Amino acid sequence: MLITTTSIVEGRPVQRHLGIVTGEVILGANIVRDIFASITDIFGGRSGKYEEVLARGRDQALRELEDKARALGANAVIGVDIDYETIGARGSMLMVSVTGTAVVV
């Protein structure tokens, strides 16, 4: 399955548009990661634990998007947009949502 942020795939014209597909994942941030992230924020540098959570959420959301596209008979998803939001009390949850157009190329 080809997944791209562009609206076209060079050399592979879109034969059929099958509709919008989405993938959403909501992940909880636990207190241990929060403590380590706070320490990293104080001393500078990257927060590896949060980066792992972001990557895991993105991968899961993209898999869900791909599964939905495949169920429609698509072999590609174009125009993919990835969004990250914090939700819940004090931003304790992370939501990753991806949206694109399922197509046959």
PDB file of N, CA and C in Angstrom:
ATOM      1  N   MET A   1       0.863  -1.177   0.000  1.00  0.00           N
ATOM      2  CA  MET A   1       0.000   0.000   0.000  1.00  0.00           C
ATOM      3  C   MET A   1       0.898   1.226   0.000  1.00  0.00           C
ATOM      4  N   LEU A   2       0.649   2.107  -0.940  1.00  0.00           N
ATOM      5  CA  LEU A   2       1.377   3.367  -1.032  1.00  0.00           C
ATOM      6  C   LEU A   2       0.633   4.422  -0.219  1.00  0.00           C
ATOM      7  N   ILE A   3       1.331   5.083   0.683  1.00  0.00           N
ATOM      8  CA  ILE A   3       0.746   6.157   1.489  1.00  0.00           C
ATOM      9  C   ILE A   3       1.624   7.381   1.306  1.00  0.00           C
ATOM     10  N   THR A   4       1.002   8.490   0.874  1.00  0.00           N
ATOM     11  CA  THR A   4       1.777   9.685   0.590  1.00  0.00           C
ATOM     12  C   THR A   4       1.028  10.953   0.997  1.00  0.00           C
ATOM     13  N   THR A   5       1.785  11.981   1.327  1.00  0.00           N
ATOM     14  CA  THR A   5       1.182  13.264   1.677  1.00  0.00           C
ATOM     15  C   THR A   5       0.846  14.091   0.441  1.00  0.00           C
ATOM     16  N   THR A   6       1.356  13.679  -0.708  1.00  0.00           N
ATOM     17  CA  THR A   6       1.086  14.415  -1.943  1.00  0.00           C
ATOM     18  C   THR A   6      -0.276  14.026  -2.516  1.00  0.00           C
ATOM     19  N   SER A   7      -0.806  14.878  -3.386  1.00  0.00           N
ATOM     20  CA  SER A   7      -2.127  14.607  -3.968  1.00  0.00           C
ATOM     21  C   SER A   7      -2.054  13.777  -5.246  1.00  0.00           C
ATOM     22  N   ILE A   8      -0.851  13.532  -5.717  1.00  0.00           N
ATOM     23  CA  ILE A   8      -0.653  12.686  -6.899  1.00  0.00           C
ATOM     24  C   ILE A   8       0.536  11.768  -6.650  1.00  0.00           C
ATOM     25  N   VAL A   9       0.596  10.702  -7.430  1.00  0.00           N
ATOM     26  CA  VAL A   9       1.747   9.816  -7.415  1.00  0.00           C
ATOM     27  C   VAL A   9       2.344   9.878  -8.813  1.00  0.00           C
ATOM     28  N   GLU A  10       3.514  10.447  -8.911  1.00  0.00           N
ATOM     29  CA  GLU A  10       4.134  10.658 -10.220  1.00  0.00           C
ATOM     30  C   GLU A  10       4.241   9.344 -10.993  1.00  0.00           C
ATOM     31  N   GLY A  11       3.769   9.367 -12.222  1.00  0.00           N
ATOM     32  CA  GLY A  11       3.837   8.187 -13.079  1.00  0.00           C
ATOM     33  C   GLY A  11       2.753   7.157 -12.819  1.00  0.00           C
ATOM     34  N   ARG A  12       1.884   7.414 -11.869  1.00  0.00           N
ATOM     35  CA  ARG A  12       0.807   6.466 -11.547  1.00  0.00           C
ATOM     36  C   ARG A  12      -0.484   7.247 -11.368  1.00  0.00           C
ATOM     37  N   PRO A  13      -1.194   7.500 -12.452  1.00  0.00           N
ATOM     38  CA  PRO A  13      -2.417   8.297 -12.351  1.00  0.00           C
ATOM     39  C   PRO A  13      -3.500   7.605 -11.526  1.00  0.00           C
ATOM     40  N   VAL A  14      -4.301   8.405 -10.856  1.00  0.00           N
ATOM     41  CA  VAL A  14      -5.413   7.893 -10.057  1.00  0.00           C
ATOM     42  C   VAL A  14      -6.497   7.389 -11.003  1.00  0.00           C
ATOM     43  N   GLN A  15      -6.883   6.133 -10.821  1.00  0.00           N
ATOM     44  CA  GLN A  15      -7.936   5.530 -11.641  1.00  0.00           C
ATOM     45  C   GLN A  15      -9.319   5.734 -11.009  1.00  0.00           C
ATOM     46  N   ARG A  16      -9.357   5.611  -9.661  1.00  0.00           N
ATOM     47  CA  ARG A  16     -10.626   5.771  -8.937  1.00  0.00           C
ATOM     48  C   ARG A  16     -10.367   6.365  -7.566  1.00  0.00           C
ATOM     49  N   HIS A  17     -11.231   7.289  -7.169  1.00  0.00           N
ATOM     50  CA  HIS A  17     -11.241   7.817  -5.804  1.00  0.00           C
ATOM     51  C   HIS A  17     -12.283   7.021  -5.020  1.00  0.00           C
ATOM     52  N   LEU A  18     -11.880   6.460  -3.882  1.00  0.00           N
ATOM     53  CA  LEU A  18     -12.779   5.599  -3.118  1.00  0.00           C
ATOM     54  C   LEU A  18     -13.318   6.257  -1.854  1.00  0.00           C
ATOM     55  N   GLY A  19     -12.799   7.406  -1.507  1.00  0.00           N
ATOM     56  CA  GLY A  19     -13.315   8.124  -0.352  1.00  0.00           C
ATOM     57  C   GLY A  19     -12.254   8.456   0.690  1.00  0.00           C
ATOM     58  N   ILE A  20     -12.680   9.220   1.669  1.00  0.00           N
ATOM     59  CA  ILE A  20     -11.806   9.635   2.758  1.00  0.00           C
ATOM     60  C   ILE A  20     -11.669   8.492   3.755  1.00  0.00           C
ATOM     61  N   VAL A  21     -10.441   8.272   4.208  1.00  0.00           N
ATOM     62  CA  VAL A  21     -10.183   7.280   5.248  1.00  0.00           C
ATOM     63  C   VAL A  21      -9.435   7.961   6.390  1.00  0.00           C
ATOM     64  N   THR A  22      -9.638   7.434   7.594  1.00  0.00           N
ATOM     65  CA  THR A  22      -9.008   8.018   8.776  1.00  0.00           C
ATOM     66  C   THR A  22      -8.449   6.928   9.678  1.00  0.00           C
ATOM     67  N   GLY A  23      -7.563   7.344  10.538  1.00  0.00           N
ATOM     68  CA  GLY A  23      -7.060   6.501  11.607  1.00  0.00           C
ATOM     69  C   GLY A  23      -6.858   7.376  12.826  1.00  0.00           C
ATOM     70  N   GLU A  24      -7.355   6.940  13.975  1.00  0.00           N
ATOM     71  CA  GLU A  24      -7.216   7.714  15.203  1.00  0.00           C
ATOM     72  C   GLU A  24      -6.728   6.811  16.325  1.00  0.00           C
ATOM     73  N   VAL A  25      -5.819   7.351  17.114  1.00  0.00           N
ATOM     74  CA  VAL A  25      -5.301   6.634  18.268  1.00  0.00           C
ATOM     75  C   VAL A  25      -5.217   7.628  19.421  1.00  0.00           C
ATOM     76  N   ILE A  26      -5.662   7.195  20.598  1.00  0.00           N
ATOM     77  CA  ILE A  26      -5.523   8.015  21.802  1.00  0.00           C
ATOM     78  C   ILE A  26      -4.655   7.238  22.773  1.00  0.00           C
ATOM     79  N   LEU A  27      -3.576   7.886  23.199  1.00  0.00           N
ATOM     80  CA  LEU A  27      -2.610   7.251  24.084  1.00  0.00           C
ATOM     81  C   LEU A  27      -2.538   8.010  25.401  1.00  0.00           C
ATOM     82  N   GLY A  28      -2.406   7.287  26.486  1.00  0.00           N
ATOM     83  CA  GLY A  28      -2.236   7.909  27.796  1.00  0.00           C
ATOM     84  C   GLY A  28      -0.765   8.131  28.069  1.00  0.00           C
ATOM     85  N   ALA A  29      -0.449   9.235  28.702  1.00  0.00           N
ATOM     86  CA  ALA A  29       0.918   9.501  29.127  1.00  0.00           C
ATOM     87  C   ALA A  29       1.007   9.142  30.610  1.00  0.00           C
ATOM     88  N   ASN A  30       1.968   8.310  30.966  1.00  0.00           N
ATOM     89  CA  ASN A  30       2.029   7.917  32.378  1.00  0.00           C
ATOM     90  C   ASN A  30       2.974   8.796  33.179  1.00  0.00           C
ATOM     91  N   ILE A  31       2.895   8.704  34.466  1.00  0.00           N
ATOM     92  CA  ILE A  31       3.628   9.586  35.366  1.00  0.00           C
ATOM     93  C   ILE A  31       5.141   9.423  35.250  1.00  0.00           C
ATOM     94  N   VAL A  32       5.633   8.212  34.989  1.00  0.00           N
ATOM     95  CA  VAL A  32       7.074   7.998  34.865  1.00  0.00           C
ATOM     96  C   VAL A  32       7.616   8.775  33.675  1.00  0.00           C
ATOM     97  N   ARG A  33       6.927   8.677  32.526  1.00  0.00           N
ATOM     98  CA  ARG A  33       7.357   9.438  31.354  1.00  0.00           C
ATOM     99  C   ARG A  33       7.297  10.931  31.637  1.00  0.00           C
ATOM    100  N   ASP A  34       6.254  11.371  32.347  1.00  0.00           N
ATOM    101  CA  ASP A  34       6.115  12.789  32.676  1.00  0.00           C
ATOM    102  C   ASP A  34       7.299  13.279  33.510  1.00  0.00           C
ATOM    103  N   ILE A  35       7.715  12.471  34.490  1.00  0.00           N
ATOM    104  CA  ILE A  35       8.849  12.865  35.331  1.00  0.00           C
ATOM    105  C   ILE A  35      10.118  12.962  34.506  1.00  0.00           C
ATOM    106  N   PHE A  36      10.391  11.942  33.676  1.00  0.00           N
ATOM    107  CA  PHE A  36      11.594  11.985  32.850  1.00  0.00           C
ATOM    108  C   PHE A  36      11.543  13.134  31.851  1.00  0.00           C
ATOM    109  N   ALA A  37      10.372  13.399  31.298  1.00  0.00           N
ATOM    110  CA  ALA A  37      10.230  14.513  30.364  1.00  0.00           C
ATOM    111  C   ALA A  37      10.493  15.832  31.070  1.00  0.00           C
ATOM    112  N   SER A  38      10.042  15.976  32.301  1.00  0.00           N
ATOM    113  CA  SER A  38      10.278  17.201  33.061  1.00  0.00           C
ATOM    114  C   SER A  38      11.759  17.409  33.299  1.00  0.00           C
ATOM    115  N   ILE A  39      12.468  16.339  33.645  1.00  0.00           N
ATOM    116  CA  ILE A  39      13.911  16.437  33.853  1.00  0.00           C
ATOM    117  C   ILE A  39      14.603  16.845  32.566  1.00  0.00           C
ATOM    118  N   THR A  40      14.203  16.243  31.460  1.00  0.00           N
ATOM    119  CA  THR A  40      14.783  16.593  30.167  1.00  0.00           C
ATOM    120  C   THR A  40      14.501  18.053  29.841  1.00  0.00           C
ATOM    121  N   ASP A  41      13.270  18.509  30.115  1.00  0.00           N
ATOM    122  CA  ASP A  41      12.916  19.901  29.845  1.00  0.00           C
ATOM    123  C   ASP A  41      13.780  20.857  30.657  1.00  0.00           C
ATOM    124  N   ILE A  42      14.086  20.488  31.897  1.00  0.00           N
ATOM    125  CA  ILE A  42      14.891  21.349  32.767  1.00  0.00           C
ATOM    126  C   ILE A  42      16.318  21.446  32.254  1.00  0.00           C
ATOM    127  N   PHE A  43      16.898  20.320  31.873  1.00  0.00           N
ATOM    128  CA  PHE A  43      18.300  20.294  31.466  1.00  0.00           C
ATOM    129  C   PHE A  43      18.489  20.423  29.958  1.00  0.00           C
ATOM    130  N   GLY A  44      17.414  20.478  29.226  1.00  0.00           N
ATOM    131  CA  GLY A  44      17.510  20.598  27.772  1.00  0.00           C
ATOM    132  C   GLY A  44      17.631  19.241  27.113  1.00  0.00           C
ATOM    133  N   GLY A  45      17.571  19.240  25.810  1.00  0.00           N
ATOM    134  CA  GLY A  45      17.687  17.987  25.076  1.00  0.00           C
ATOM    135  C   GLY A  45      16.336  17.457  24.661  1.00  0.00           C
ATOM    136  N   ARG A  46      16.363  16.281  24.097  1.00  0.00           N
ATOM    137  CA  ARG A  46      15.154  15.659  23.576  1.00  0.00           C
ATOM    138  C   ARG A  46      14.556  14.708  24.599  1.00  0.00           C
ATOM    139  N   SER A  47      13.261  14.562  24.543  1.00  0.00           N
ATOM    140  CA  SER A  47      12.552  13.646  25.432  1.00  0.00           C
ATOM    141  C   SER A  47      12.280  12.354  24.672  1.00  0.00           C
ATOM    142  N   GLY A  48      13.184  11.409  24.805  1.00  0.00           N
ATOM    143  CA  GLY A  48      13.093  10.144  24.074  1.00  0.00           C
ATOM    144  C   GLY A  48      11.828   9.360  24.364  1.00  0.00           C
ATOM    145  N   LYS A  49      11.365   9.387  25.610  1.00  0.00           N
ATOM    146  CA  LYS A  49      10.160   8.638  25.966  1.00  0.00           C
ATOM    147  C   LYS A  49       8.939   9.189  25.238  1.00  0.00           C
ATOM    148  N   TYR A  50       8.803  10.505  25.211  1.00  0.00           N
ATOM    149  CA  TYR A  50       7.671  11.088  24.496  1.00  0.00           C
ATOM    150  C   TYR A  50       7.796  10.855  22.997  1.00  0.00           C
ATOM    151  N   GLU A  51       9.015  10.899  22.482  1.00  0.00           N
ATOM    152  CA  GLU A  51       9.205  10.621  21.051  1.00  0.00           C
ATOM    153  C   GLU A  51       8.778   9.201  20.724  1.00  0.00           C
ATOM    154  N   GLU A  52       9.054   8.257  21.621  1.00  0.00           N
ATOM    155  CA  GLU A  52       8.615   6.874  21.413  1.00  0.00           C
ATOM    156  C   GLU A  52       7.097   6.785  21.374  1.00  0.00           C
ATOM    157  N   VAL A  53       6.434   7.498  22.286  1.00  0.00           N
ATOM    158  CA  VAL A  53       4.970   7.487  22.322  1.00  0.00           C
ATOM    159  C   VAL A  53       4.406   8.092  21.041  1.00  0.00           C
ATOM    160  N   LEU A  54       4.988   9.211  20.593  1.00  0.00           N
ATOM    161  CA  LEU A  54       4.531   9.840  19.351  1.00  0.00           C
ATOM    162  C   LEU A  54       4.683   8.885  18.164  1.00  0.00           C
ATOM    163  N   ALA A  55       5.833   8.247  18.071  1.00  0.00           N
ATOM    164  CA  ALA A  55       6.084   7.322  16.959  1.00  0.00           C
ATOM    165  C   ALA A  55       5.117   6.145  16.996  1.00  0.00           C
ATOM    166  N   ARG A  56       4.885   5.593  18.192  1.00  0.00           N
ATOM    167  CA  ARG A  56       3.964   4.457  18.311  1.00  0.00           C
ATOM    168  C   ARG A  56       2.542   4.859  17.914  1.00  0.00           C
ATOM    169  N   GLY A  57       2.099   6.016  18.374  1.00  0.00           N
ATOM    170  CA  GLY A  57       0.768   6.503  18.021  1.00  0.00           C
ATOM    171  C   GLY A  57       0.619   6.748  16.535  1.00  0.00           C
ATOM    172  N   ARG A  58       1.634   7.371  15.936  1.00  0.00           N
ATOM    173  CA  ARG A  58       1.596   7.635  14.493  1.00  0.00           C
ATOM    174  C   ARG A  58       1.538   6.337  13.699  1.00  0.00           C
ATOM    175  N   ASP A  59       2.374   5.361  14.088  1.00  0.00           N
ATOM    176  CA  ASP A  59       2.398   4.074  13.379  1.00  0.00           C
ATOM    177  C   ASP A  59       1.053   3.354  13.483  1.00  0.00           C
ATOM    178  N   GLN A  60       0.457   3.361  14.670  1.00  0.00           N
ATOM    179  CA  GLN A  60      -0.838   2.705  14.847  1.00  0.00           C
ATOM    180  C   GLN A  60      -1.930   3.392  14.041  1.00  0.00           C
ATOM    181  N   ALA A  61      -1.930   4.720  14.031  1.00  0.00           N
ATOM    182  CA  ALA A  61      -2.941   5.465  13.272  1.00  0.00           C
ATOM    183  C   ALA A  61      -2.780   5.216  11.775  1.00  0.00           C
ATOM    184  N   LEU A  62      -1.541   5.175  11.296  1.00  0.00           N
ATOM    185  CA  LEU A  62      -1.314   4.904   9.872  1.00  0.00           C
ATOM    186  C   LEU A  62      -1.734   3.490   9.501  1.00  0.00           C
ATOM    187  N   ARG A  63      -1.501   2.526  10.387  1.00  0.00           N
ATOM    188  CA  ARG A  63      -1.955   1.148  10.124  1.00  0.00           C
ATOM    189  C   ARG A  63      -3.474   1.080  10.029  1.00  0.00           C
ATOM    190  N   GLU A  64      -4.150   1.797  10.919  1.00  0.00           N
ATOM    191  CA  GLU A  64      -5.619   1.825  10.887  1.00  0.00           C
ATOM    192  C   GLU A  64      -6.107   2.452   9.584  1.00  0.00           C
ATOM    193  N   LEU A  65      -5.484   3.550   9.164  1.00  0.00           N
ATOM    194  CA  LEU A  65      -5.818   4.212   7.906  1.00  0.00           C
ATOM    195  C   LEU A  65      -5.624   3.236   6.741  1.00  0.00           C
ATOM    196  N   GLU A  66      -4.499   2.548   6.735  1.00  0.00           N
ATOM    197  CA  GLU A  66      -4.200   1.590   5.668  1.00  0.00           C
ATOM    198  C   GLU A  66      -5.224   0.457   5.642  1.00  0.00           C
ATOM    199  N   ASP A  67      -5.589  -0.072   6.799  1.00  0.00           N
ATOM    200  CA  ASP A  67      -6.575  -1.158   6.868  1.00  0.00           C
ATOM    201  C   ASP A  67      -7.917  -0.718   6.293  1.00  0.00           C
ATOM    202  N   LYS A  68      -8.338   0.500   6.631  1.00  0.00           N
ATOM    203  CA  LYS A  68      -9.615   1.014   6.122  1.00  0.00           C
ATOM    204  C   LYS A  68      -9.558   1.226   4.611  1.00  0.00           C
ATOM    205  N   ALA A  69      -8.427   1.713   4.115  1.00  0.00           N
ATOM    206  CA  ALA A  69      -8.275   1.914   2.668  1.00  0.00           C
ATOM    207  C   ALA A  69      -8.298   0.573   1.934  1.00  0.00           C
ATOM    208  N   ARG A  70      -7.589  -0.388   2.468  1.00  0.00           N
ATOM    209  CA  ARG A  70      -7.547  -1.725   1.853  1.00  0.00           C
ATOM    210  C   ARG A  70      -8.948  -2.341   1.814  1.00  0.00           C
ATOM    211  N   ALA A  71      -9.736  -2.142   2.879  1.00  0.00           N
ATOM    212  CA  ALA A  71     -11.103  -2.677   2.927  1.00  0.00           C
ATOM    213  C   ALA A  71     -11.983  -2.072   1.838  1.00  0.00           C
ATOM    214  N   LEU A  72     -11.659  -0.857   1.387  1.00  0.00           N
ATOM    215  CA  LEU A  72     -12.406  -0.217   0.301  1.00  0.00           C
ATOM    216  C   LEU A  72     -11.912  -0.653  -1.081  1.00  0.00           C
ATOM    217  N   GLY A  73     -10.808  -1.409  -1.121  1.00  0.00           N
ATOM    218  CA  GLY A  73     -10.242  -1.845  -2.390  1.00  0.00           C
ATOM    219  C   GLY A  73      -9.147  -0.939  -2.913  1.00  0.00           C
ATOM    220  N   ALA A  74      -8.645  -0.049  -2.076  1.00  0.00           N
ATOM    221  CA  ALA A  74      -7.597   0.890  -2.488  1.00  0.00           C
ATOM    222  C   ALA A  74      -6.231   0.215  -2.492  1.00  0.00           C
ATOM    223  N   ASN A  75      -5.340   0.744  -3.329  1.00  0.00           N
ATOM    224  CA  ASN A  75      -3.944   0.322  -3.275  1.00  0.00           C
ATOM    225  C   ASN A  75      -3.032   1.500  -2.935  1.00  0.00           C
ATOM    226  N   ALA A  76      -3.652   2.666  -2.624  1.00  0.00           N
ATOM    227  CA  ALA A  76      -2.881   3.843  -2.220  1.00  0.00           C
ATOM    228  C   ALA A  76      -3.782   4.788  -1.428  1.00  0.00           C
ATOM    229  N   VAL A  77      -3.144   5.612  -0.613  1.00  0.00           N
ATOM    230  CA  VAL A  77      -3.829   6.693   0.082  1.00  0.00           C
ATOM    231  C   VAL A  77      -3.023   7.955  -0.191  1.00  0.00           C
ATOM    232  N   ILE A  78      -3.680   8.964  -0.742  1.00  0.00           N
ATOM    233  CA  ILE A  78      -2.992  10.198  -1.096  1.00  0.00           C
ATOM    234  C   ILE A  78      -3.483  11.346  -0.210  1.00  0.00           C
ATOM    235  N   GLY A  79      -2.705  12.415  -0.201  1.00  0.00           N
ATOM    236  CA  GLY A  79      -3.090  13.607   0.553  1.00  0.00           C
ATOM    237  C   GLY A  79      -3.162  13.370   2.050  1.00  0.00           C
ATOM    238  N   VAL A  80      -2.302  12.518   2.579  1.00  0.00           N
ATOM    239  CA  VAL A  80      -2.355  12.169   3.992  1.00  0.00           C
ATOM    240  C   VAL A  80      -1.902  13.340   4.864  1.00  0.00           C
ATOM    241  N   ASP A  81      -2.680  13.590   5.917  1.00  0.00           N
ATOM    242  CA  ASP A  81      -2.374  14.632   6.893  1.00  0.00           C
ATOM    243  C   ASP A  81      -2.308  13.972   8.271  1.00  0.00           C
ATOM    244  N   ILE A  82      -1.275  14.286   9.040  1.00  0.00           N
ATOM    245  CA  ILE A  82      -1.098  13.728  10.381  1.00  0.00           C
ATOM    246  C   ILE A  82      -1.206  14.865  11.386  1.00  0.00           C
ATOM    247  N   ASP A  83      -2.073  14.690  12.373  1.00  0.00           N
ATOM    248  CA  ASP A  83      -2.267  15.706  13.409  1.00  0.00           C
ATOM    249  C   ASP A  83      -2.049  15.095  14.791  1.00  0.00           C
ATOM    250  N   TYR A  84      -1.492  15.904  15.684  1.00  0.00           N
ATOM    251  CA  TYR A  84      -1.276  15.513  17.074  1.00  0.00           C
ATOM    252  C   TYR A  84      -1.979  16.525  17.962  1.00  0.00           C
ATOM    253  N   GLU A  85      -2.706  16.047  18.962  1.00  0.00           N
ATOM    254  CA  GLU A  85      -3.397  16.921  19.913  1.00  0.00           C
ATOM    255  C   GLU A  85      -3.276  16.323  21.303  1.00  0.00           C
ATOM    256  N   THR A  86      -3.217  17.190  22.301  1.00  0.00           N
ATOM    257  CA  THR A  86      -3.324  16.710  23.674  1.00  0.00           C
ATOM    258  C   THR A  86      -4.752  16.935  24.126  1.00  0.00           C
ATOM    259  N   ILE A  87      -5.287  15.965  24.826  1.00  0.00           N
ATOM    260  CA  ILE A  87      -6.658  16.051  25.305  1.00  0.00           C
ATOM    261  C   ILE A  87      -6.711  15.545  26.743  1.00  0.00           C
ATOM    262  N   GLY A  88      -7.838  15.699  27.384  1.00  0.00           N
ATOM    263  CA  GLY A  88      -8.021  15.218  28.748  1.00  0.00           C
ATOM    264  C   GLY A  88      -7.581  16.247  29.773  1.00  0.00           C
ATOM    265  N   ALA A  89      -7.742  15.876  31.013  1.00  0.00           N
ATOM    266  CA  ALA A  89      -7.373  16.753  32.117  1.00  0.00           C
ATOM    267  C   ALA A  89      -5.881  17.053  32.063  1.00  0.00           C
ATOM    268  N   ARG A  90      -5.551  18.313  31.997  1.00  0.00           N
ATOM    269  CA  ARG A  90      -4.147  18.771  31.952  1.00  0.00           C
ATOM    270  C   ARG A  90      -3.371  18.157  30.795  1.00  0.00           C
ATOM    271  N   GLY A  91      -4.036  17.864  29.704  1.00  0.00           N
ATOM    272  CA  GLY A  91      -3.352  17.318  28.534  1.00  0.00           C
ATOM    273  C   GLY A  91      -2.728  15.968  28.788  1.00  0.00           C
ATOM    274  N   SER A  92      -3.388  15.132  29.559  1.00  0.00           N
ATOM    275  CA  SER A  92      -2.815  13.850  29.961  1.00  0.00           C
ATOM    276  C   SER A  92      -2.897  12.771  28.886  1.00  0.00           C
ATOM    277  N   MET A  93      -3.609  13.036  27.816  1.00  0.00           N
ATOM    278  CA  MET A  93      -3.757  12.059  26.737  1.00  0.00           C
ATOM    279  C   MET A  93      -3.253  12.679  25.431  1.00  0.00           C
ATOM    280  N   LEU A  94      -2.733  11.848  24.570  1.00  0.00           N
ATOM    281  CA  LEU A  94      -2.260  12.280  23.268  1.00  0.00           C
ATOM    282  C   LEU A  94      -3.129  11.627  22.204  1.00  0.00           C
ATOM    283  N   MET A  95      -3.678  12.431  21.293  1.00  0.00           N
ATOM    284  CA  MET A  95      -4.454  11.903  20.187  1.00  0.00           C
ATOM    285  C   MET A  95      -3.674  12.116  18.895  1.00  0.00           C
ATOM    286  N   VAL A  96      -3.537  11.043  18.133  1.00  0.00           N
ATOM    287  CA  VAL A  96      -2.916  11.110  16.817  1.00  0.00           C
ATOM    288  C   VAL A  96      -4.001  10.768  15.813  1.00  0.00           C
ATOM    289  N   SER A  97      -4.239  11.661  14.858  1.00  0.00           N
ATOM    290  CA  SER A  97      -5.230  11.362  13.824  1.00  0.00           C
ATOM    291  C   SER A  97      -4.590  11.556  12.456  1.00  0.00           C
ATOM    292  N   VAL A  98      -4.911  10.640  11.554  1.00  0.00           N
ATOM    293  CA  VAL A  98      -4.436  10.730  10.176  1.00  0.00           C
ATOM    294  C   VAL A  98      -5.638  10.642   9.252  1.00  0.00           C
ATOM    295  N   THR A  99      -5.592  11.412   8.180  1.00  0.00           N
ATOM    296  CA  THR A  99      -6.688  11.455   7.213  1.00  0.00           C
ATOM    297  C   THR A  99      -6.085  11.479   5.822  1.00  0.00           C
ATOM    298  N   GLY A 100      -6.735  10.796   4.891  1.00  0.00           N
ATOM    299  CA  GLY A 100      -6.293  10.807   3.512  1.00  0.00           C
ATOM    300  C   GLY A 100      -7.406  10.338   2.591  1.00  0.00           C
ATOM    301  N   THR A 101      -7.107  10.269   1.311  1.00  0.00           N
ATOM    302  CA  THR A 101      -8.064   9.820   0.313  1.00  0.00           C
ATOM    303  C   THR A 101      -7.621   8.460  -0.223  1.00  0.00           C
ATOM    304  N   ALA A 102      -8.501   7.475  -0.078  1.00  0.00           N
ATOM    305  CA  ALA A 102      -8.226   6.144  -0.596  1.00  0.00           C
ATOM    306  C   ALA A 102      -8.444   6.147  -2.105  1.00  0.00           C
ATOM    307  N   VAL A 103      -7.479   5.624  -2.838  1.00  0.00           N
ATOM    308  CA  VAL A 103      -7.548   5.614  -4.308  1.00  0.00           C
ATOM    309  C   VAL A 103      -7.015   4.307  -4.867  1.00  0.00           C
ATOM    310  N   VAL A 104      -7.320   4.106  -6.141  1.00  0.00           N
ATOM    311  CA  VAL A 104      -6.686   3.049  -6.926  1.00  0.00           C
ATOM    312  C   VAL A 104      -5.810   3.751  -7.944  1.00  0.00           C
ATOM    313  N   VAL A 105      -4.527   3.414  -7.947  1.00  0.00           N
ATOM    314  CA  VAL A 105      -3.595   3.996  -8.931  1.00  0.00           C
ATOM    315  C   VAL A 105      -3.139   2.924  -9.883  1.00  0.00           C
TER     316      VAL A 105
END
